[in-house]
């Protein structure tokens, strides 16, 4: 596997920037981020820095879209994938400042901030992640997703998304309350493990945690080694029956 190509990634980032400057794109994306954490995560092949992350971003309106998304692409020139948190917060994402403190102080304040996030969580969208090991096996993952979605949809409202090389089944507002606790997360993990054990080994149960973030519909997706820029999109169940990955290509690179 080749190492990350910085110059090529900059070119991809320019395409991302041009896309996210479109007002119709911003209007579609913004509702998914209201009162949630926004994260930008770039995936590379570098062993030392496999991920490039910017987290704890606010994305509630056009102004915050400029500073949290547009400016980040302009300054860092990295093809970040766009994510939003499963958790929704009563008063918006609690503010956390990193600058001006020692590492020890930052670590302590981060623990306090995480506790604050748990106490401020008012709802949580349970996400079952079905990962495909490769693009060649996406149809297998699609069939597994369809089978699980048909079972879950009998009892829960769901949303299905193609994520670039896999699928999310999202149970909207699966948890509601005044404070998200460990026992709540344990319950969700057991829920996902049931489908991993009985329906598909492609279900990833390691991603279920309080600060879980998932890709935003209508956002662009790229990681080192992809031959195309993909799009994360919402799907109807009928689209999983004969899944066509070509329909989710934004731009062919090679």
Protein backbone atom coordinates (compact mmCIF):
# COMPACT_ATOMS: atom_id res chain seq x y z
CA UNK A 1 0.00 0.00 0.00
CA UNK A 2 1.47 3.34 -1.11
CA UNK A 3 2.12 6.13 1.32
CA UNK A 4 -0.04 9.23 1.27
CA UNK A 5 0.58 11.64 -1.60
CA UNK A 6 0.34 15.19 -0.15
CA UNK A 7 0.18 16.97 -3.51
CA UNK A 8 -2.55 14.70 -4.82
CA UNK A 9 -4.52 15.11 -1.59
CA UNK A 10 -4.34 18.89 -2.01
CA UNK A 11 -5.94 18.56 -5.43
CA UNK A 12 -8.72 16.42 -3.97
CA UNK A 13 -9.20 19.00 -1.21
CA UNK A 14 -9.71 21.70 -3.85
CA UNK A 15 -12.55 19.66 -5.35
CA UNK A 16 -14.07 19.26 -1.89
CA UNK A 17 -13.79 23.01 -1.26
CA UNK A 18 -15.51 23.86 -4.53
CA UNK A 19 -18.33 21.44 -3.70
CA UNK A 20 -18.94 22.72 -0.16
CA UNK A 21 -19.05 26.34 -1.33
CA UNK A 22 -22.32 25.59 -3.12
CA UNK A 23 -25.25 27.06 -1.19
CA UNK A 24 -27.60 24.20 -2.07
CA UNK A 25 -25.10 21.75 -0.57
CA UNK A 26 -24.79 23.78 2.63
CA UNK A 27 -28.56 24.01 3.07
CA UNK A 28 -28.92 20.25 2.71
CA UNK A 29 -26.10 19.45 5.14
CA UNK A 30 -26.75 21.96 7.94
CA UNK A 31 -29.83 20.29 9.51
CA UNK A 32 -27.83 17.12 10.21
CA UNK A 33 -25.38 19.10 12.37
CA UNK A 34 -27.71 21.29 14.44
CA UNK A 35 -26.79 20.97 18.15
CA UNK A 36 -24.32 18.20 17.32
CA UNK A 37 -20.55 17.90 17.16
CA UNK A 38 -19.02 18.27 13.71
CA UNK A 39 -15.78 16.48 12.82
CA UNK A 40 -13.45 16.59 9.82
CA UNK A 41 -11.41 13.41 9.44
CA UNK A 42 -8.91 12.68 6.67
CA UNK A 43 -7.73 9.09 6.25
CA UNK A 44 -4.21 8.48 4.93
CA UNK A 45 -1.87 5.51 4.55
CA UNK A 46 0.88 7.02 6.68
CA UNK A 47 1.71 4.77 9.64
CA UNK A 48 2.73 7.73 11.78
CA UNK A 49 -0.35 9.82 11.00
CA UNK A 50 -3.11 7.51 9.69
CA UNK A 51 -5.80 10.06 10.54
CA UNK A 52 -5.92 13.84 10.34
CA UNK A 53 -8.69 15.08 12.60
CA UNK A 54 -10.38 18.33 13.52
CA UNK A 55 -13.13 17.76 16.08
CA UNK A 56 -15.38 19.79 18.42
CA UNK A 57 -16.60 21.96 15.54
CA UNK A 58 -19.91 23.83 15.52
CA UNK A 59 -22.01 23.74 12.35
CA UNK A 60 -25.38 25.36 13.06
CA UNK A 61 -25.70 28.06 10.38
CA UNK A 62 -24.14 29.57 7.24
CA UNK A 63 -21.61 31.57 9.26
CA UNK A 64 -20.35 28.54 11.17
CA UNK A 65 -20.27 26.58 7.90
CA UNK A 66 -17.78 29.11 6.56
CA UNK A 67 -15.48 28.96 9.59
CA UNK A 68 -15.82 25.24 10.38
CA UNK A 69 -15.75 23.85 6.83
CA UNK A 70 -14.76 26.31 4.12
CA UNK A 71 -11.89 27.90 6.04
CA UNK A 72 -10.57 24.53 7.21
CA UNK A 73 -10.29 23.29 3.62
CA UNK A 74 -8.70 26.56 2.52
CA UNK A 75 -6.09 26.55 5.29
CA UNK A 76 -5.21 22.86 5.70
CA UNK A 77 -5.78 21.69 2.08
CA UNK A 78 -6.69 18.19 3.24
CA UNK A 79 -9.59 16.07 1.83
CA UNK A 80 -11.45 15.72 5.09
CA UNK A 81 -14.57 13.57 5.28
CA UNK A 82 -17.47 15.28 7.05
CA UNK A 83 -19.06 13.70 10.14
CA UNK A 84 -21.71 14.60 12.70
CA UNK A 85 -22.19 13.15 16.16
CA UNK A 86 -24.84 10.59 16.99
CA UNK A 87 -25.43 12.62 20.15
CA UNK A 88 -27.58 15.75 20.09
CA UNK A 89 -27.00 18.31 22.86
CA UNK A 90 -29.64 20.39 24.63
CA UNK A 91 -27.82 23.70 24.25
CA UNK A 92 -25.52 22.87 21.36
CA UNK A 93 -22.04 21.39 21.59
CA UNK A 94 -20.35 22.32 24.90
CA UNK A 95 -17.36 24.61 24.23
CA UNK A 96 -13.85 23.32 24.87
CA UNK A 97 -10.67 25.35 24.43
CA UNK A 98 -7.28 23.63 24.00
CA UNK A 99 -4.93 26.58 23.64
CA UNK A 100 -2.83 28.13 26.38
CA UNK A 101 -2.66 25.15 28.76
CA UNK A 102 -0.16 22.44 29.64
CA UNK A 103 -0.79 18.87 28.40
CA UNK A 104 -1.74 17.78 31.92
CA UNK A 105 -4.28 20.59 32.28
CA UNK A 106 -5.75 19.95 28.85
CA UNK A 107 -6.18 16.26 29.67
CA UNK A 108 -7.99 17.06 32.91
CA UNK A 109 -10.21 19.62 31.24
CA UNK A 110 -10.99 17.16 28.45
CA UNK A 111 -12.26 14.63 31.02
CA UNK A 112 -14.47 17.33 32.50
CA UNK A 113 -15.67 18.31 29.03
CA UNK A 114 -16.62 14.71 28.20
CA UNK A 115 -18.62 14.51 31.42
CA UNK A 116 -20.33 17.74 30.46
CA UNK A 117 -21.19 16.31 27.03
CA UNK A 118 -22.78 13.23 28.62
CA UNK A 119 -24.86 15.39 30.93
CA UNK A 120 -25.94 17.66 28.06
CA UNK A 121 -26.92 14.83 25.68
CA UNK A 122 -30.67 14.86 25.06
CA UNK A 123 -30.89 12.20 22.33
CA UNK A 124 -28.67 9.67 20.60
CA UNK A 125 -29.04 8.09 17.17
CA UNK A 126 -27.98 4.47 17.35
CA UNK A 127 -25.88 3.61 14.28
CA UNK A 128 -25.18 0.07 13.09
CA UNK A 129 -22.11 0.13 10.87
CA UNK A 130 -21.81 -2.50 8.12
CA UNK A 131 -18.28 -2.26 6.70
CA UNK A 132 -17.26 -3.75 3.38
CA UNK A 133 -13.65 -5.00 3.28
CA UNK A 134 -13.38 -3.79 -0.34
CA UNK A 135 -15.40 -2.21 -3.14
CA UNK A 136 -15.61 -5.63 -4.80
CA UNK A 137 -17.66 -6.92 -1.87
CA UNK A 138 -20.04 -3.99 -1.55
CA UNK A 139 -22.96 -6.01 -2.92
CA UNK A 140 -22.49 -8.57 -0.14
CA UNK A 141 -22.50 -5.76 2.44
CA UNK A 142 -25.60 -4.28 0.77
CA UNK A 143 -27.46 -7.58 1.07
CA UNK A 144 -26.48 -7.91 4.73
CA UNK A 145 -27.61 -4.32 5.32
CA UNK A 146 -30.95 -4.99 3.64
CA UNK A 147 -31.56 -8.11 5.72
CA UNK A 148 -30.78 -6.32 9.00
CA UNK A 149 -32.71 -3.19 8.01
CA UNK A 150 -35.83 -5.23 7.21
CA UNK A 151 -35.72 -6.78 10.68
CA UNK A 152 -35.09 -3.54 12.58
CA UNK A 153 -37.58 -1.42 10.61
CA UNK A 154 -40.45 -3.52 11.96
CA UNK A 155 -39.92 -1.95 15.39
CA UNK A 156 -37.87 1.23 14.85
CA UNK A 157 -37.74 4.22 12.54
CA UNK A 158 -34.54 3.87 10.52
CA UNK A 159 -32.44 5.73 7.98
CA UNK A 160 -29.97 3.89 5.72
CA UNK A 161 -26.88 5.60 4.30
CA UNK A 162 -24.16 4.57 1.90
CA UNK A 163 -20.93 5.75 3.51
CA UNK A 164 -18.33 5.40 0.75
CA UNK A 165 -17.39 1.75 1.28
CA UNK A 166 -20.11 0.48 3.58
CA UNK A 167 -23.47 1.32 5.09
CA UNK A 168 -25.07 2.80 8.20
CA UNK A 169 -28.44 1.76 9.60
CA UNK A 170 -29.46 4.63 11.86
CA UNK A 171 -32.13 4.32 14.53
CA UNK A 172 -33.07 7.95 15.01
CA UNK A 173 -33.56 9.08 18.61
CA UNK A 174 -32.98 5.52 19.83
CA UNK A 175 -32.08 6.94 23.24
CA UNK A 176 -33.65 9.99 24.89
CA UNK A 177 -33.02 11.29 28.37
CA UNK A 178 -31.25 13.82 30.56
CA UNK A 179 -27.81 12.18 30.83
CA UNK A 180 -26.17 9.55 28.62
CA UNK A 181 -24.60 6.90 30.88
CA UNK A 182 -22.39 3.86 30.41
CA UNK A 183 -25.31 1.49 30.89
CA UNK A 184 -27.07 3.17 27.97
CA UNK A 185 -24.06 2.64 25.71
CA UNK A 186 -23.70 -0.98 26.88
CA UNK A 187 -27.31 -1.60 25.87
CA UNK A 188 -26.67 -0.19 22.40
CA UNK A 189 -23.52 -2.29 21.97
CA UNK A 190 -25.42 -5.46 22.89
CA UNK A 191 -28.08 -4.49 20.35
CA UNK A 192 -25.44 -4.28 17.59
CA UNK A 193 -23.65 -7.43 18.75
CA UNK A 194 -26.88 -9.39 18.32
CA UNK A 195 -26.91 -8.60 14.61
CA UNK A 196 -23.19 -9.27 14.25
CA UNK A 197 -23.65 -12.71 15.82
CA UNK A 198 -26.82 -13.66 13.94
CA UNK A 199 -26.89 -11.73 10.65
CA UNK A 200 -23.50 -10.44 9.45
CA UNK A 201 -19.88 -10.56 10.55
CA UNK A 202 -19.45 -7.21 8.74
CA UNK A 203 -21.21 -5.36 11.57
CA UNK A 204 -18.65 -3.25 13.44
CA UNK A 205 -19.45 -3.12 17.16
CA UNK A 206 -16.25 -1.29 18.14
CA UNK A 207 -17.57 2.08 16.98
CA UNK A 208 -20.38 2.34 19.52
CA UNK A 209 -19.27 4.94 22.07
CA UNK A 210 -20.48 8.29 23.48
CA UNK A 211 -18.59 10.47 20.98
CA UNK A 212 -19.49 8.37 17.96
CA UNK A 213 -19.55 10.37 14.72
CA UNK A 214 -21.01 9.22 11.40
CA UNK A 215 -20.70 10.51 7.86
CA UNK A 216 -23.14 13.21 6.80
CA UNK A 217 -25.51 12.60 3.87
CA UNK A 218 -24.62 14.55 0.71
CA UNK A 219 -21.00 14.87 1.85
CA UNK A 220 -17.99 13.79 -0.21
CA UNK A 221 -15.88 10.79 0.80
CA UNK A 222 -12.25 10.07 0.02
CA UNK A 223 -9.41 8.10 1.56
CA UNK A 224 -5.94 7.27 0.28
CA UNK A 225 -6.16 4.51 -2.32
CA UNK A 226 -9.69 5.31 -3.57
CA UNK A 227 -9.96 5.53 -7.34
CA UNK A 228 -12.94 7.86 -7.08
CA UNK A 229 -14.45 10.55 -4.89
CA UNK A 230 -17.60 8.97 -3.47
CA UNK A 231 -20.73 10.50 -1.96
CA UNK A 232 -22.42 9.59 1.29
CA UNK A 233 -26.15 9.46 0.59
CA UNK A 234 -29.41 8.38 2.17
CA UNK A 235 -30.89 5.27 0.59
CA UNK A 236 -34.23 3.58 0.17
CA UNK A 237 -34.26 -0.13 1.01
CA UNK A 238 -35.12 -1.00 -2.58
CA UNK A 239 -31.77 0.50 -3.65
CA UNK A 240 -29.97 -2.16 -1.60
CA UNK A 241 -31.58 -5.03 -3.50
CA UNK A 242 -29.46 -4.52 -6.59
CA UNK A 243 -26.83 -2.10 -5.28
CA UNK A 244 -25.04 -0.03 -7.92
CA UNK A 245 -21.94 1.69 -6.51
CA UNK A 246 -21.53 3.68 -9.74
CA UNK A 247 -24.53 5.76 -8.68
CA UNK A 248 -22.56 7.05 -5.67
CA UNK A 249 -19.46 8.20 -7.52
CA UNK A 250 -19.06 11.99 -7.45
CA UNK A 251 -15.94 12.09 -9.61
CA UNK A 252 -13.74 9.44 -11.18
CA UNK A 253 -10.06 10.09 -10.49
CA UNK A 254 -8.43 7.38 -12.61
